[in-house]
Amino acid sequence: MYQPKKYIKDDPEFIFQFIQKHPFATMVSKLDNFIATHVPVLIEGNAENFRLYAHIANHNEQLETLKDDAEVLLIFSGAQGYVSSSWYAEKDISTWDYSAVHINAHIKLQTKEELESSLKKLVNTFENRQNSPLFYDEIPEQMLLDHLPLITGFWAKPFKIQGIAKLHQGYKKEDIASSIDHLEKGDSQQKSLAKDIKEENNL
């Protein structure tokens, strides 16, 4: 990851919370060429010592790369967007603000029991946010029995962790405030980016 010094976010607590907040990751590994899949990834443990877990469809060709001890790169992305210099008090160069976490990890395939436990945690984590949740144990048993053989679960143990948050640090306060104001009038992603910029710059 390219990490200009003023944007580095390698603090363990930032990393841990970022993954919890942005669990949909891009998983990259090497087959004949580089190959990637977009998967929800959950985290367990604490900021100082954690592991990740997810699953992949068995008909996905990337499964060939997922062997015990194989390396993957997991990319977690936060809100991002274009920031126009027309929003500043004086002419300047426009830029793109964003945040991300990269995790290089070693794979360990899950047992059937571990996969089922992981799926239960995955479903329940996101169903807890629904108005009328349908938890894992409420899904018809035969559907689960038919589904489990079609996927493979895995653990991902990090060995290299990098974070970045390029959120207008170092800019003039009035230009930051103006950028936030314009972004807050945009779509949901721009609004999320505005919130991140505001929090990073204590505004």
Protein backbone atom coordinates (compact mmCIF):
# COMPACT_ATOMS: atom_id res chain seq x y z
CA MET A 1 0.00 0.00 0.00
CA TYR A 2 1.16 3.52 -0.83
CA GLN A 3 1.14 5.36 2.52
CA PRO A 4 2.23 9.01 2.56
CA LYS A 5 3.35 9.66 6.13
CA LYS A 6 0.59 12.09 7.12
CA TYR A 7 -2.12 9.63 6.01
CA ILE A 8 -0.83 6.46 7.70
CA LYS A 9 -3.40 4.74 9.91
CA ASP A 10 -1.66 1.66 11.28
CA ASP A 11 -3.07 2.07 14.81
CA PRO A 12 -4.52 -1.33 15.85
CA GLU A 13 -7.75 0.16 17.18
CA PHE A 14 -8.34 2.05 13.91
CA ILE A 15 -7.72 -1.14 11.91
CA PHE A 16 -10.02 -3.26 14.09
CA GLN A 17 -12.89 -0.78 14.03
CA PHE A 18 -12.46 -0.08 10.32
CA ILE A 19 -12.89 -3.75 9.40
CA GLN A 20 -15.96 -4.00 11.64
CA LYS A 21 -17.45 -0.94 9.94
CA HIS A 22 -16.51 -1.97 6.36
CA PRO A 23 -16.68 -5.79 6.25
CA PHE A 24 -17.15 -6.21 2.49
CA ALA A 25 -13.64 -6.89 1.21
CA THR A 26 -11.84 -7.56 -2.05
CA MET A 27 -9.78 -10.75 -1.71
CA VAL A 28 -6.81 -11.00 -4.07
CA SER A 29 -4.65 -14.08 -4.69
CA LYS A 30 -2.52 -15.55 -7.47
CA LEU A 31 -3.62 -18.28 -9.86
CA ASP A 32 -2.14 -18.07 -13.37
CA ASN A 33 -2.86 -14.38 -13.08
CA PHE A 34 -4.03 -12.32 -10.14
CA ILE A 35 -7.64 -13.10 -9.28
CA ALA A 36 -10.08 -11.35 -6.96
CA THR A 37 -13.43 -12.00 -5.30
CA HIS A 38 -15.62 -9.63 -3.30
CA VAL A 39 -16.69 -11.25 -0.03
CA PRO A 40 -18.03 -10.26 3.39
CA VAL A 41 -15.30 -10.81 5.97
CA LEU A 42 -15.81 -10.82 9.72
CA ILE A 43 -13.23 -10.24 12.44
CA GLU A 44 -12.85 -11.87 15.83
CA GLY A 45 -10.46 -11.24 18.71
CA ASN A 46 -9.27 -7.79 19.73
CA ALA A 47 -7.32 -4.92 18.23
CA GLU A 48 -3.97 -6.41 19.24
CA ASN A 49 -4.68 -10.00 18.18
CA PHE A 50 -7.36 -10.94 15.69
CA ARG A 51 -8.18 -13.25 12.82
CA LEU A 52 -10.63 -12.92 9.95
CA TYR A 53 -13.04 -15.40 8.45
CA ALA A 54 -15.18 -15.74 5.35
CA HIS A 55 -16.34 -18.27 2.77
CA ILE A 56 -16.26 -18.68 -1.01
CA ALA A 57 -18.39 -20.58 -3.52
CA ASN A 58 -16.87 -23.89 -4.58
CA HIS A 59 -17.40 -23.12 -8.29
CA ASN A 60 -15.34 -19.92 -7.93
CA GLU A 61 -11.97 -20.55 -9.62
CA GLN A 62 -10.24 -18.58 -6.87
CA LEU A 63 -10.90 -21.51 -4.54
CA GLU A 64 -7.91 -23.23 -6.22
CA THR A 65 -5.62 -20.67 -4.56
CA LEU A 66 -7.03 -21.13 -1.06
CA LYS A 67 -4.86 -23.81 0.51
CA ASP A 68 -3.57 -23.98 4.08
CA ASP A 69 -0.78 -21.38 4.53
CA ALA A 70 -1.49 -19.76 1.15
CA GLU A 71 -1.29 -15.94 1.11
CA VAL A 72 -4.15 -13.60 0.24
CA LEU A 73 -4.51 -9.84 0.23
CA LEU A 74 -7.75 -8.54 1.73
CA ILE A 75 -8.68 -4.94 0.85
CA PHE A 76 -11.27 -3.12 2.96
CA SER A 77 -12.50 0.20 1.58
CA GLY A 78 -14.21 3.10 3.31
CA ALA A 79 -16.10 6.04 1.84
CA GLN A 80 -14.31 7.77 -1.04
CA GLY A 81 -14.91 10.57 -3.46
CA TYR A 82 -13.71 13.47 -5.58
CA VAL A 83 -13.06 16.79 -3.83
CA SER A 84 -13.18 19.76 -6.19
CA SER A 85 -10.75 22.61 -5.69
CA SER A 86 -13.56 24.90 -6.84
CA TRP A 87 -14.81 24.53 -3.25
CA TYR A 88 -11.68 26.25 -1.87
CA ALA A 89 -11.15 29.93 -1.14
CA GLU A 90 -8.25 30.05 -3.61
CA LYS A 91 -7.39 28.13 -6.79
CA ASP A 92 -5.70 24.80 -6.11
CA ILE A 93 -5.51 21.22 -7.39
CA SER A 94 -8.52 18.92 -6.94
CA THR A 95 -8.03 15.59 -5.19
CA TRP A 96 -9.66 12.32 -4.16
CA ASP A 97 -10.22 11.48 -0.49
CA TYR A 98 -10.56 7.90 0.77
CA SER A 99 -9.70 5.42 3.49
CA ALA A 100 -8.67 1.77 3.28
CA VAL A 101 -7.10 -1.14 5.13
CA HIS A 102 -4.93 -3.82 3.51
CA ILE A 103 -4.40 -7.17 5.24
CA ASN A 104 -1.90 -9.75 3.99
CA ALA A 105 -2.93 -13.02 5.60
CA HIS A 106 -2.30 -16.74 5.58
CA ILE A 107 -5.24 -19.03 4.90
CA LYS A 108 -6.43 -21.98 6.96
CA LEU A 109 -9.42 -23.89 5.64
CA GLN A 110 -12.31 -24.41 8.03
CA THR A 111 -13.86 -27.68 9.06
CA LYS A 112 -17.54 -28.26 8.32
CA GLU A 113 -18.35 -27.39 11.94
CA GLU A 114 -16.28 -24.20 11.82
CA LEU A 115 -17.95 -23.17 8.55
CA GLU A 116 -21.42 -23.62 10.01
CA SER A 117 -20.46 -21.63 13.12
CA SER A 118 -19.01 -18.86 10.93
CA LEU A 119 -22.14 -18.70 8.78
CA LYS A 120 -24.29 -18.46 11.88
CA LYS A 121 -22.21 -15.51 13.15
CA LEU A 122 -22.26 -13.86 9.72
CA VAL A 123 -26.03 -14.09 9.30
CA ASN A 124 -26.78 -13.09 12.87
CA THR A 125 -24.40 -10.11 12.75
CA PHE A 126 -26.28 -8.51 9.88
CA GLU A 127 -29.77 -9.75 10.75
CA ASN A 128 -29.45 -7.99 14.10
CA ARG A 129 -29.71 -4.74 12.13
CA GLN A 130 -33.02 -5.68 10.48
CA ASN A 131 -36.48 -4.70 11.64
CA SER A 132 -37.76 -8.28 11.30
CA PRO A 133 -34.61 -10.44 11.44
CA LEU A 134 -34.38 -13.99 10.14
CA PHE A 135 -31.61 -15.63 12.16
CA TYR A 136 -29.55 -18.61 11.02
CA ASP A 137 -31.37 -21.13 13.21
CA GLU A 138 -34.69 -20.02 11.70
CA ILE A 139 -33.68 -20.89 8.13
CA PRO A 140 -35.24 -24.22 7.02
CA GLU A 141 -32.79 -27.00 7.87
CA GLN A 142 -32.93 -28.62 4.43
CA MET A 143 -31.92 -25.35 2.78
CA LEU A 144 -28.85 -25.20 5.00
CA LEU A 145 -27.99 -28.84 4.35
CA ASP A 146 -28.23 -28.24 0.60
CA HIS A 147 -26.15 -25.04 0.78
CA LEU A 148 -23.23 -26.03 3.00
CA PRO A 149 -21.58 -28.48 0.52
CA LEU A 150 -21.48 -25.71 -2.09
CA ILE A 151 -19.14 -23.37 -0.18
CA THR A 152 -15.78 -23.48 1.58
CA GLY A 153 -15.01 -21.50 4.71
CA PHE A 154 -11.59 -20.24 5.72
CA TRP A 155 -9.69 -18.36 8.40
CA ALA A 156 -7.26 -15.59 7.46
CA LYS A 157 -4.46 -14.89 9.94
CA PRO A 158 -2.87 -11.46 9.33
CA PHE A 159 0.90 -11.09 9.05
CA LYS A 160 1.03 -7.61 7.47
CA ILE A 161 -1.47 -4.86 8.30
CA GLN A 162 -1.64 -1.38 6.73
CA GLY A 163 -4.16 1.42 6.95
CA ILE A 164 -4.60 4.79 5.31
CA ALA A 165 -7.01 7.69 5.68
CA LYS A 166 -6.52 10.54 3.21
CA LEU A 167 -9.13 12.93 4.55
CA HIS A 168 -7.89 16.45 3.85
CA GLN A 169 -5.41 16.57 6.71
CA GLY A 170 -3.23 19.66 6.47
CA TYR A 171 -5.62 21.76 4.41
CA LYS A 172 -6.89 25.16 5.51
CA LYS A 173 -9.79 24.90 7.94
CA GLU A 174 -12.08 26.98 5.76
CA ASP A 175 -11.37 24.77 2.74
CA ILE A 176 -12.03 21.63 4.77
CA ALA A 177 -15.29 23.09 6.06
CA SER A 178 -16.36 24.07 2.54
CA SER A 179 -15.53 20.60 1.21
CA ILE A 180 -17.59 19.00 3.96
CA ASP A 181 -20.50 21.32 3.19
CA HIS A 182 -20.48 20.43 -0.51
CA LEU A 183 -20.11 16.69 0.12
CA GLU A 184 -22.99 16.70 2.60
CA LYS A 185 -25.24 17.84 -0.26
CA GLY A 186 -24.27 14.83 -2.39
CA ASP A 187 -25.20 11.14 -2.46
CA SER A 188 -24.90 8.68 0.45
CA GLN A 189 -21.22 7.94 -0.25
CA GLN A 190 -20.35 11.64 -0.35
CA LYS A 191 -22.23 12.16 2.91
CA SER A 192 -20.24 9.31 4.49
CA LEU A 193 -16.99 10.82 3.21
CA ALA A 194 -17.99 14.20 4.65
CA LYS A 195 -18.52 12.54 8.03
CA ASP A 196 -15.09 10.88 7.87
CA ILE A 197 -13.37 14.17 6.96
CA LYS A 198 -15.19 15.95 9.77
CA GLU A 199 -14.15 13.33 12.35
CA GLU A 200 -10.54 13.16 11.16
CA ASN A 201 -10.15 16.95 11.36
CA ASN A 202 -12.11 17.35 14.60
CA LEU A 203 -14.75 19.60 13.06
